[in-house]
């Protein structure tokens, strides 16, 4: 079994919806493991699209390899928020 990168998806807006099918495809092909999703304004749910919803500061860093930011418009702001949580900038990916 190959070592799949573990992703946390950050953002639940239009970019998330645009890329949802591709994310599901990569996960089904066992190319990535999606740990869960988070957003500044998380819905009052425990999961969405089959993935666990985390509070932005509530994800143990040791279970995430990369943070996939699903907002082109707010990428730099979100990246700075993630870095403020103690995550290295090299672990932050843009959705595009």
PDB file of N, CA and C in Angstrom:
ATOM      1  N   UNK A   1       0.846  -1.188   0.000  1.00  0.00           N
ATOM      2  CA  UNK A   1       0.000   0.000   0.000  1.00  0.00           C
ATOM      3  C   UNK A   1       0.886   1.244   0.000  1.00  0.00           C
ATOM      4  N   UNK A   2       0.589   2.198  -0.885  1.00  0.00           N
ATOM      5  CA  UNK A   2       1.424   3.379  -0.970  1.00  0.00           C
ATOM      6  C   UNK A   2       1.103   4.363   0.148  1.00  0.00           C
ATOM      7  N   UNK A   3       2.083   5.187   0.447  1.00  0.00           N
ATOM      8  CA  UNK A   3       1.955   6.197   1.477  1.00  0.00           C
ATOM      9  C   UNK A   3       1.243   7.413   0.884  1.00  0.00           C
ATOM     10  N   UNK A   4      -0.020   7.599   1.238  1.00  0.00           N
ATOM     11  CA  UNK A   4      -0.816   8.686   0.673  1.00  0.00           C
ATOM     12  C   UNK A   4      -0.661   9.952   1.512  1.00  0.00           C
ATOM     13  N   UNK A   5      -0.554  11.117   0.875  1.00  0.00           N
ATOM     14  CA  UNK A   5      -0.523  12.361   1.640  1.00  0.00           C
ATOM     15  C   UNK A   5      -1.877  12.598   2.315  1.00  0.00           C
ATOM     16  N   UNK A   6      -1.820  13.045   3.556  1.00  0.00           N
ATOM     17  CA  UNK A   6      -3.037  13.317   4.331  1.00  0.00           C
ATOM     18  C   UNK A   6      -3.340  14.808   4.245  1.00  0.00           C
ATOM     19  N   UNK A   7      -4.525  15.133   3.725  1.00  0.00           N
ATOM     20  CA  UNK A   7      -4.915  16.520   3.486  1.00  0.00           C
ATOM     21  C   UNK A   7      -6.012  16.966   4.437  1.00  0.00           C
ATOM     22  N   UNK A   8      -5.918  18.214   4.858  1.00  0.00           N
ATOM     23  CA  UNK A   8      -7.039  18.887   5.505  1.00  0.00           C
ATOM     24  C   UNK A   8      -7.497  19.952   4.532  1.00  0.00           C
ATOM     25  N   UNK A   9      -8.753  19.941   4.175  1.00  0.00           N
ATOM     26  CA  UNK A   9      -9.314  20.926   3.261  1.00  0.00           C
ATOM     27  C   UNK A   9      -9.741  22.138   4.085  1.00  0.00           C
ATOM     28  N   UNK A  10      -9.280  23.322   3.675  1.00  0.00           N
ATOM     29  CA  UNK A  10      -9.584  24.549   4.406  1.00  0.00           C
ATOM     30  C   UNK A  10     -10.400  25.447   3.498  1.00  0.00           C
ATOM     31  N   UNK A  11     -11.685  25.537   3.764  1.00  0.00           N
ATOM     32  CA  UNK A  11     -12.587  26.378   2.979  1.00  0.00           C
ATOM     33  C   UNK A  11     -13.743  25.578   2.413  1.00  0.00           C
ATOM     34  N   UNK A  12     -14.951  26.122   2.566  1.00  0.00           N
ATOM     35  CA  UNK A  12     -16.148  25.426   2.099  1.00  0.00           C
ATOM     36  C   UNK A  12     -16.981  26.279   1.143  1.00  0.00           C
ATOM     37  N   UNK A  13     -16.336  27.165   0.439  1.00  0.00           N
ATOM     38  CA  UNK A  13     -17.046  28.059  -0.473  1.00  0.00           C
ATOM     39  C   UNK A  13     -17.124  27.531  -1.887  1.00  0.00           C
ATOM     40  N   UNK A  14     -17.178  28.470  -2.836  1.00  0.00           N
ATOM     41  CA  UNK A  14     -17.376  28.097  -4.240  1.00  0.00           C
ATOM     42  C   UNK A  14     -16.209  27.281  -4.805  1.00  0.00           C
ATOM     43  N   UNK A  15     -14.977  27.568  -4.374  1.00  0.00           N
ATOM     44  CA  UNK A  15     -13.840  26.781  -4.874  1.00  0.00           C
ATOM     45  C   UNK A  15     -13.917  25.336  -4.383  1.00  0.00           C
ATOM     46  N   UNK A  16     -14.360  25.158  -3.160  1.00  0.00           N
ATOM     47  CA  UNK A  16     -14.568  23.797  -2.629  1.00  0.00           C
ATOM     48  C   UNK A  16     -15.593  23.067  -3.484  1.00  0.00           C
ATOM     49  N   UNK A  17     -16.715  23.714  -3.736  1.00  0.00           N
ATOM     50  CA  UNK A  17     -17.772  23.077  -4.534  1.00  0.00           C
ATOM     51  C   UNK A  17     -17.310  22.779  -5.957  1.00  0.00           C
ATOM     52  N   UNK A  18     -16.491  23.659  -6.526  1.00  0.00           N
ATOM     53  CA  UNK A  18     -15.985  23.469  -7.883  1.00  0.00           C
ATOM     54  C   UNK A  18     -15.046  22.259  -7.967  1.00  0.00           C
ATOM     55  N   UNK A  19     -14.282  21.994  -6.900  1.00  0.00           N
ATOM     56  CA  UNK A  19     -13.281  20.933  -6.916  1.00  0.00           C
ATOM     57  C   UNK A  19     -13.718  19.655  -6.195  1.00  0.00           C
ATOM     58  N   UNK A  20     -14.937  19.625  -5.696  1.00  0.00           N
ATOM     59  CA  UNK A  20     -15.399  18.489  -4.895  1.00  0.00           C
ATOM     60  C   UNK A  20     -15.281  17.160  -5.639  1.00  0.00           C
ATOM     61  N   UNK A  21     -15.724  17.102  -6.884  1.00  0.00           N
ATOM     62  CA  UNK A  21     -15.655  15.838  -7.630  1.00  0.00           C
ATOM     63  C   UNK A  21     -14.215  15.369  -7.811  1.00  0.00           C
ATOM     64  N   UNK A  22     -13.301  16.290  -8.081  1.00  0.00           N
ATOM     65  CA  UNK A  22     -11.892  15.914  -8.236  1.00  0.00           C
ATOM     66  C   UNK A  22     -11.327  15.388  -6.915  1.00  0.00           C
ATOM     67  N   UNK A  23     -11.674  16.023  -5.815  1.00  0.00           N
ATOM     68  CA  UNK A  23     -11.206  15.559  -4.505  1.00  0.00           C
ATOM     69  C   UNK A  23     -11.709  14.152  -4.208  1.00  0.00           C
ATOM     70  N   UNK A  24     -12.980  13.906  -4.485  1.00  0.00           N
ATOM     71  CA  UNK A  24     -13.555  12.571  -4.275  1.00  0.00           C
ATOM     72  C   UNK A  24     -12.868  11.540  -5.181  1.00  0.00           C
ATOM     73  N   UNK A  25     -12.581  11.938  -6.412  1.00  0.00           N
ATOM     74  CA  UNK A  25     -11.900  11.040  -7.345  1.00  0.00           C
ATOM     75  C   UNK A  25     -10.521  10.656  -6.819  1.00  0.00           C
ATOM     76  N   UNK A  26      -9.718  11.655  -6.419  1.00  0.00           N
ATOM     77  CA  UNK A  26      -8.373  11.375  -5.916  1.00  0.00           C
ATOM     78  C   UNK A  26      -8.422  10.504  -4.668  1.00  0.00           C
ATOM     79  N   UNK A  27      -9.408  10.742  -3.834  1.00  0.00           N
ATOM     80  CA  UNK A  27      -9.539   9.929  -2.624  1.00  0.00           C
ATOM     81  C   UNK A  27      -9.929   8.486  -2.990  1.00  0.00           C
ATOM     82  N   UNK A  28     -10.868   8.323  -3.905  1.00  0.00           N
ATOM     83  CA  UNK A  28     -11.286   6.979  -4.323  1.00  0.00           C
ATOM     84  C   UNK A  28     -10.174   6.224  -5.038  1.00  0.00           C
ATOM     85  N   UNK A  29      -9.295   6.952  -5.723  1.00  0.00           N
ATOM     86  CA  UNK A  29      -8.147   6.329  -6.396  1.00  0.00           C
ATOM     87  C   UNK A  29      -6.991   6.080  -5.427  1.00  0.00           C
ATOM     88  N   UNK A  30      -7.205   6.417  -4.172  1.00  0.00           N
ATOM     89  CA  UNK A  30      -6.218   6.269  -3.099  1.00  0.00           C
ATOM     90  C   UNK A  30      -4.945   7.059  -3.373  1.00  0.00           C
ATOM     91  N   UNK A  31      -5.102   8.208  -4.010  1.00  0.00           N
ATOM     92  CA  UNK A  31      -3.980   9.123  -4.247  1.00  0.00           C
ATOM     93  C   UNK A  31      -3.756  10.027  -3.045  1.00  0.00           C
ATOM     94  N   UNK A  32      -4.828  10.337  -2.316  1.00  0.00           N
ATOM     95  CA  UNK A  32      -4.760  11.178  -1.121  1.00  0.00           C
ATOM     96  C   UNK A  32      -5.686  10.599  -0.056  1.00  0.00           C
ATOM     97  N   UNK A  33      -5.435  10.994   1.176  1.00  0.00           N
ATOM     98  CA  UNK A  33      -6.350  10.694   2.280  1.00  0.00           C
ATOM     99  C   UNK A  33      -6.813  12.033   2.824  1.00  0.00           C
ATOM    100  N   UNK A  34      -8.100  12.266   2.759  1.00  0.00           N
ATOM    101  CA  UNK A  34      -8.638  13.531   3.249  1.00  0.00           C
ATOM    102  C   UNK A  34      -9.074  13.321   4.700  1.00  0.00           C
ATOM    103  N   UNK A  35      -8.375  14.011   5.589  1.00  0.00           N
ATOM    104  CA  UNK A  35      -8.610  13.893   7.027  1.00  0.00           C
ATOM    105  C   UNK A  35      -9.925  14.540   7.413  1.00  0.00           C
ATOM    106  N   UNK A  36     -10.229  15.684   6.793  1.00  0.00           N
ATOM    107  CA  UNK A  36     -11.453  16.409   7.108  1.00  0.00           C
ATOM    108  C   UNK A  36     -11.430  17.777   6.457  1.00  0.00           C
ATOM    109  N   UNK A  37     -12.374  18.611   6.875  1.00  0.00           N
ATOM    110  CA  UNK A  37     -12.495  19.962   6.339  1.00  0.00           C
ATOM    111  C   UNK A  37     -12.649  20.955   7.485  1.00  0.00           C
ATOM    112  N   UNK A  38     -12.287  22.196   7.201  1.00  0.00           N
ATOM    113  CA  UNK A  38     -12.498  23.269   8.166  1.00  0.00           C
ATOM    114  C   UNK A  38     -12.759  24.559   7.410  1.00  0.00           C
ATOM    115  N   UNK A  39     -13.260  25.535   8.125  1.00  0.00           N
ATOM    116  CA  UNK A  39     -13.569  26.833   7.546  1.00  0.00           C
ATOM    117  C   UNK A  39     -13.700  27.823   8.689  1.00  0.00           C
ATOM    118  N   UNK A  40     -13.565  29.094   8.374  1.00  0.00           N
ATOM    119  CA  UNK A  40     -13.751  30.120   9.396  1.00  0.00           C
ATOM    120  C   UNK A  40     -15.166  30.061   9.963  1.00  0.00           C
ATOM    121  N   UNK A  41     -16.130  29.866   9.096  1.00  0.00           N
ATOM    122  CA  UNK A  41     -17.546  29.765   9.498  1.00  0.00           C
ATOM    123  C   UNK A  41     -18.026  28.350   9.226  1.00  0.00           C
ATOM    124  N   UNK A  42     -17.747  27.436  10.151  1.00  0.00           N
ATOM    125  CA  UNK A  42     -18.129  26.048   9.932  1.00  0.00           C
ATOM    126  C   UNK A  42     -19.622  25.855  10.202  1.00  0.00           C
ATOM    127  N   UNK A  43     -20.247  25.000   9.412  1.00  0.00           N
ATOM    128  CA  UNK A  43     -21.673  24.724   9.642  1.00  0.00           C
ATOM    129  C   UNK A  43     -21.856  23.894  10.904  1.00  0.00           C
ATOM    130  N   UNK A  44     -23.044  23.904  11.416  1.00  0.00           N
ATOM    131  CA  UNK A  44     -23.335  23.154  12.636  1.00  0.00           C
ATOM    132  C   UNK A  44     -23.608  21.694  12.297  1.00  0.00           C
ATOM    133  N   UNK A  45     -22.603  21.049  11.754  1.00  0.00           N
ATOM    134  CA  UNK A  45     -22.653  19.647  11.371  1.00  0.00           C
ATOM    135  C   UNK A  45     -21.396  18.973  11.889  1.00  0.00           C
ATOM    136  N   UNK A  46     -21.421  17.658  11.972  1.00  0.00           N
ATOM    137  CA  UNK A  46     -20.205  16.950  12.368  1.00  0.00           C
ATOM    138  C   UNK A  46     -19.417  16.467  11.158  1.00  0.00           C
ATOM    139  N   UNK A  47     -20.087  16.394   9.997  1.00  0.00           N
ATOM    140  CA  UNK A  47     -19.386  16.041   8.772  1.00  0.00           C
ATOM    141  C   UNK A  47     -20.110  16.620   7.569  1.00  0.00           C
ATOM    142  N   UNK A  48     -19.357  16.704   6.470  1.00  0.00           N
ATOM    143  CA  UNK A  48     -19.916  17.192   5.215  1.00  0.00           C
ATOM    144  C   UNK A  48     -19.266  16.400   4.084  1.00  0.00           C
ATOM    145  N   UNK A  49     -20.072  15.955   3.145  1.00  0.00           N
ATOM    146  CA  UNK A  49     -19.594  15.174   1.998  1.00  0.00           C
ATOM    147  C   UNK A  49     -18.785  13.951   2.431  1.00  0.00           C
ATOM    148  N   UNK A  50     -19.110  13.418   3.606  1.00  0.00           N
ATOM    149  CA  UNK A  50     -18.440  12.222   4.111  1.00  0.00           C
ATOM    150  C   UNK A  50     -17.160  12.492   4.879  1.00  0.00           C
ATOM    151  N   UNK A  51     -16.800  13.759   5.059  1.00  0.00           N
ATOM    152  CA  UNK A  51     -15.573  14.120   5.775  1.00  0.00           C
ATOM    153  C   UNK A  51     -15.909  14.829   7.072  1.00  0.00           C
ATOM    154  N   UNK A  52     -15.113  14.575   8.087  1.00  0.00           N
ATOM    155  CA  UNK A  52     -15.293  15.199   9.393  1.00  0.00           C
ATOM    156  C   UNK A  52     -15.028  16.707   9.301  1.00  0.00           C
ATOM    157  N   UNK A  53     -15.808  17.485  10.038  1.00  0.00           N
ATOM    158  CA  UNK A  53     -15.609  18.928  10.113  1.00  0.00           C
ATOM    159  C   UNK A  53     -14.861  19.230  11.410  1.00  0.00           C
ATOM    160  N   UNK A  54     -13.777  19.983  11.288  1.00  0.00           N
ATOM    161  CA  UNK A  54     -12.968  20.387  12.426  1.00  0.00           C
ATOM    162  C   UNK A  54     -13.082  21.892  12.644  1.00  0.00           C
ATOM    163  N   UNK A  55     -12.955  22.332  13.882  1.00  0.00           N
ATOM    164  CA  UNK A  55     -12.774  23.754  14.157  1.00  0.00           C
ATOM    165  C   UNK A  55     -11.385  24.109  13.650  1.00  0.00           C
ATOM    166  N   UNK A  56     -11.160  25.344  13.235  1.00  0.00           N
ATOM    167  CA  UNK A  56      -9.897  25.705  12.589  1.00  0.00           C
ATOM    168  C   UNK A  56      -8.675  25.401  13.449  1.00  0.00           C
ATOM    169  N   UNK A  57      -8.753  25.551  14.732  1.00  0.00           N
ATOM    170  CA  UNK A  57      -7.610  25.262  15.588  1.00  0.00           C
ATOM    171  C   UNK A  57      -7.664  23.892  16.219  1.00  0.00           C
ATOM    172  N   UNK A  58      -8.638  23.085  15.845  1.00  0.00           N
ATOM    173  CA  UNK A  58      -8.862  21.816  16.510  1.00  0.00           C
ATOM    174  C   UNK A  58      -8.342  20.583  15.807  1.00  0.00           C
ATOM    175  N   UNK A  59      -7.465  20.758  14.846  1.00  0.00           N
ATOM    176  CA  UNK A  59      -6.939  19.618  14.102  1.00  0.00           C
ATOM    177  C   UNK A  59      -5.538  19.311  14.609  1.00  0.00           C
ATOM    178  N   UNK A  60      -5.306  18.103  15.102  1.00  0.00           N
ATOM    179  CA  UNK A  60      -3.945  17.755  15.520  1.00  0.00           C
ATOM    180  C   UNK A  60      -2.993  17.796  14.326  1.00  0.00           C
ATOM    181  N   UNK A  61      -1.944  18.627  14.414  1.00  0.00           N
ATOM    182  CA  UNK A  61      -1.012  18.807  13.293  1.00  0.00           C
ATOM    183  C   UNK A  61      -0.335  17.509  12.866  1.00  0.00           C
ATOM    184  N   UNK A  62      -0.175  16.572  13.791  1.00  0.00           N
ATOM    185  CA  UNK A  62       0.536  15.338  13.452  1.00  0.00           C
ATOM    186  C   UNK A  62      -0.262  14.403  12.545  1.00  0.00           C
ATOM    187  N   UNK A  63      -1.552  14.668  12.332  1.00  0.00           N
ATOM    188  CA  UNK A  63      -2.331  13.809  11.432  1.00  0.00           C
ATOM    189  C   UNK A  63      -2.501  14.426  10.048  1.00  0.00           C
ATOM    190  N   UNK A  64      -1.920  15.612   9.817  1.00  0.00           N
ATOM    191  CA  UNK A  64      -2.074  16.314   8.549  1.00  0.00           C
ATOM    192  C   UNK A  64      -0.699  16.528   7.906  1.00  0.00           C
ATOM    193  N   UNK A  65      -0.580  16.154   6.634  1.00  0.00           N
ATOM    194  CA  UNK A  65       0.645  16.431   5.890  1.00  0.00           C
ATOM    195  C   UNK A  65       0.563  17.779   5.169  1.00  0.00           C
ATOM    196  N   UNK A  66      -0.614  18.064   4.602  1.00  0.00           N
ATOM    197  CA  UNK A  66      -0.802  19.292   3.829  1.00  0.00           C
ATOM    198  C   UNK A  66      -2.170  19.902   4.116  1.00  0.00           C
ATOM    199  N   UNK A  67      -2.201  21.219   4.074  1.00  0.00           N
ATOM    200  CA  UNK A  67      -3.431  21.987   4.235  1.00  0.00           C
ATOM    201  C   UNK A  67      -3.798  22.524   2.855  1.00  0.00           C
ATOM    202  N   UNK A  68      -4.912  22.073   2.306  1.00  0.00           N
ATOM    203  CA  UNK A  68      -5.337  22.464   0.968  1.00  0.00           C
ATOM    204  C   UNK A  68      -6.346  23.605   1.087  1.00  0.00           C
ATOM    205  N   UNK A  69      -5.905  24.811   0.723  1.00  0.00           N
ATOM    206  CA  UNK A  69      -6.748  26.000   0.851  1.00  0.00           C
ATOM    207  C   UNK A  69      -7.641  26.101  -0.377  1.00  0.00           C
ATOM    208  N   UNK A  70      -8.941  26.049  -0.147  1.00  0.00           N
ATOM    209  CA  UNK A  70      -9.924  26.047  -1.231  1.00  0.00           C
ATOM    210  C   UNK A  70     -10.516  27.441  -1.452  1.00  0.00           C
ATOM    211  N   UNK A  71      -9.630  28.431  -1.507  1.00  0.00           N
ATOM    212  CA  UNK A  71     -10.061  29.794  -1.800  1.00  0.00           C
ATOM    213  C   UNK A  71      -8.910  30.521  -2.476  1.00  0.00           C
ATOM    214  N   UNK A  72      -9.064  30.780  -3.743  1.00  0.00           N
ATOM    215  CA  UNK A  72      -8.030  31.536  -4.453  1.00  0.00           C
ATOM    216  C   UNK A  72      -8.024  32.985  -3.987  1.00  0.00           C
ATOM    217  N   UNK A  73      -9.211  33.533  -3.774  1.00  0.00           N
ATOM    218  CA  UNK A  73      -9.351  34.937  -3.398  1.00  0.00           C
ATOM    219  C   UNK A  73      -8.702  35.246  -2.049  1.00  0.00           C
ATOM    220  N   UNK A  74      -8.858  34.342  -1.070  1.00  0.00           N
ATOM    221  CA  UNK A  74      -8.365  34.588   0.286  1.00  0.00           C
ATOM    222  C   UNK A  74      -7.173  33.702   0.657  1.00  0.00           C
ATOM    223  N   UNK A  75      -6.476  33.172  -0.348  1.00  0.00           N
ATOM    224  CA  UNK A  75      -5.384  32.238  -0.078  1.00  0.00           C
ATOM    225  C   UNK A  75      -4.344  32.802   0.884  1.00  0.00           C
ATOM    226  N   UNK A  76      -3.882  34.021   0.650  1.00  0.00           N
ATOM    227  CA  UNK A  76      -2.812  34.575   1.491  1.00  0.00           C
ATOM    228  C   UNK A  76      -3.289  34.835   2.918  1.00  0.00           C
ATOM    229  N   UNK A  77      -4.515  35.319   3.080  1.00  0.00           N
ATOM    230  CA  UNK A  77      -5.057  35.535   4.425  1.00  0.00           C
ATOM    231  C   UNK A  77      -5.196  34.217   5.179  1.00  0.00           C
ATOM    232  N   UNK A  78      -5.728  33.215   4.509  1.00  0.00           N
ATOM    233  CA  UNK A  78      -5.903  31.904   5.142  1.00  0.00           C
ATOM    234  C   UNK A  78      -4.544  31.280   5.445  1.00  0.00           C
ATOM    235  N   UNK A  79      -3.609  31.414   4.526  1.00  0.00           N
ATOM    236  CA  UNK A  79      -2.255  30.879   4.761  1.00  0.00           C
ATOM    237  C   UNK A  79      -1.640  31.482   6.010  1.00  0.00           C
ATOM    238  N   UNK A  80      -1.806  32.785   6.185  1.00  0.00           N
ATOM    239  CA  UNK A  80      -1.279  33.438   7.385  1.00  0.00           C
ATOM    240  C   UNK A  80      -1.959  32.917   8.645  1.00  0.00           C
ATOM    241  N   UNK A  81      -3.258  32.644   8.572  1.00  0.00           N
ATOM    242  CA  UNK A  81      -3.975  32.068   9.719  1.00  0.00           C
ATOM    243  C   UNK A  81      -3.430  30.672  10.050  1.00  0.00           C
ATOM    244  N   UNK A  82      -3.139  29.893   9.029  1.00  0.00           N
ATOM    245  CA  UNK A  82      -2.622  28.540   9.237  1.00  0.00           C
ATOM    246  C   UNK A  82      -1.220  28.590   9.837  1.00  0.00           C
ATOM    247  N   UNK A  83      -0.388  29.474   9.329  1.00  0.00           N
ATOM    248  CA  UNK A  83       0.967  29.631   9.864  1.00  0.00           C
ATOM    249  C   UNK A  83       0.904  30.062  11.331  1.00  0.00           C
ATOM    250  N   UNK A  84      -0.057  30.909  11.673  1.00  0.00           N
ATOM    251  CA  UNK A  84      -0.218  31.352  13.064  1.00  0.00           C
ATOM    252  C   UNK A  84      -0.548  30.189  14.004  1.00  0.00           C
ATOM    253  N   UNK A  85      -1.047  29.084  13.439  1.00  0.00           N
ATOM    254  CA  UNK A  85      -1.334  27.882  14.243  1.00  0.00           C
ATOM    255  C   UNK A  85      -0.087  27.019  14.432  1.00  0.00           C
ATOM    256  N   UNK A  86       1.051  27.449  13.853  1.00  0.00           N
ATOM    257  CA  UNK A  86       2.295  26.705  14.002  1.00  0.00           C
ATOM    258  C   UNK A  86       2.600  25.758  12.863  1.00  0.00           C
ATOM    259  N   UNK A  87       1.935  25.933  11.737  1.00  0.00           N
ATOM    260  CA  UNK A  87       2.143  25.074  10.563  1.00  0.00           C
ATOM    261  C   UNK A  87       3.183  25.734   9.657  1.00  0.00           C
ATOM    262  N   UNK A  88       4.080  24.935   9.106  1.00  0.00           N
ATOM    263  CA  UNK A  88       5.074  25.460   8.172  1.00  0.00           C
ATOM    264  C   UNK A  88       4.414  25.827   6.847  1.00  0.00           C
ATOM    265  N   UNK A  89       4.873  26.919   6.269  1.00  0.00           N
ATOM    266  CA  UNK A  89       4.276  27.417   5.026  1.00  0.00           C
ATOM    267  C   UNK A  89       4.378  26.400   3.888  1.00  0.00           C
ATOM    268  N   UNK A  90       5.400  25.569   3.879  1.00  0.00           N
ATOM    269  CA  UNK A  90       5.571  24.573   2.801  1.00  0.00           C
ATOM    270  C   UNK A  90       4.472  23.505   2.821  1.00  0.00           C
ATOM    271  N   UNK A  91       3.724  23.418   3.924  1.00  0.00           N
ATOM    272  CA  UNK A  91       2.645  22.424   4.052  1.00  0.00           C
ATOM    273  C   UNK A  91       1.297  22.980   3.596  1.00  0.00           C
ATOM    274  N   UNK A  92       1.290  24.191   3.056  1.00  0.00           N
ATOM    275  CA  UNK A  92       0.040  24.851   2.642  1.00  0.00           C
ATOM    276  C   UNK A  92      -0.006  24.861   1.114  1.00  0.00           C
ATOM    277  N   UNK A  93      -1.089  24.316   0.558  1.00  0.00           N
ATOM    278  CA  UNK A  93      -1.253  24.206  -0.893  1.00  0.00           C
ATOM    279  C   UNK A  93      -2.440  25.042  -1.371  1.00  0.00           C
ATOM    280  N   UNK A  94      -2.331  25.577  -2.591  1.00  0.00           N
ATOM    281  CA  UNK A  94      -3.436  26.279  -3.229  1.00  0.00           C
ATOM    282  C   UNK A  94      -4.293  25.289  -3.999  1.00  0.00           C
ATOM    283  N   UNK A  95      -5.590  25.533  -4.052  1.00  0.00           N
ATOM    284  CA  UNK A  95      -6.488  24.619  -4.748  1.00  0.00           C
ATOM    285  C   UNK A  95      -6.263  24.605  -6.252  1.00  0.00           C
ATOM    286  N   UNK A  96      -5.807  25.708  -6.824  1.00  0.00           N
ATOM    287  CA  UNK A  96      -5.637  25.725  -8.276  1.00  0.00           C
ATOM    288  C   UNK A  96      -4.402  24.975  -8.674  1.00  0.00           C
TER     289      UNK A  96
END
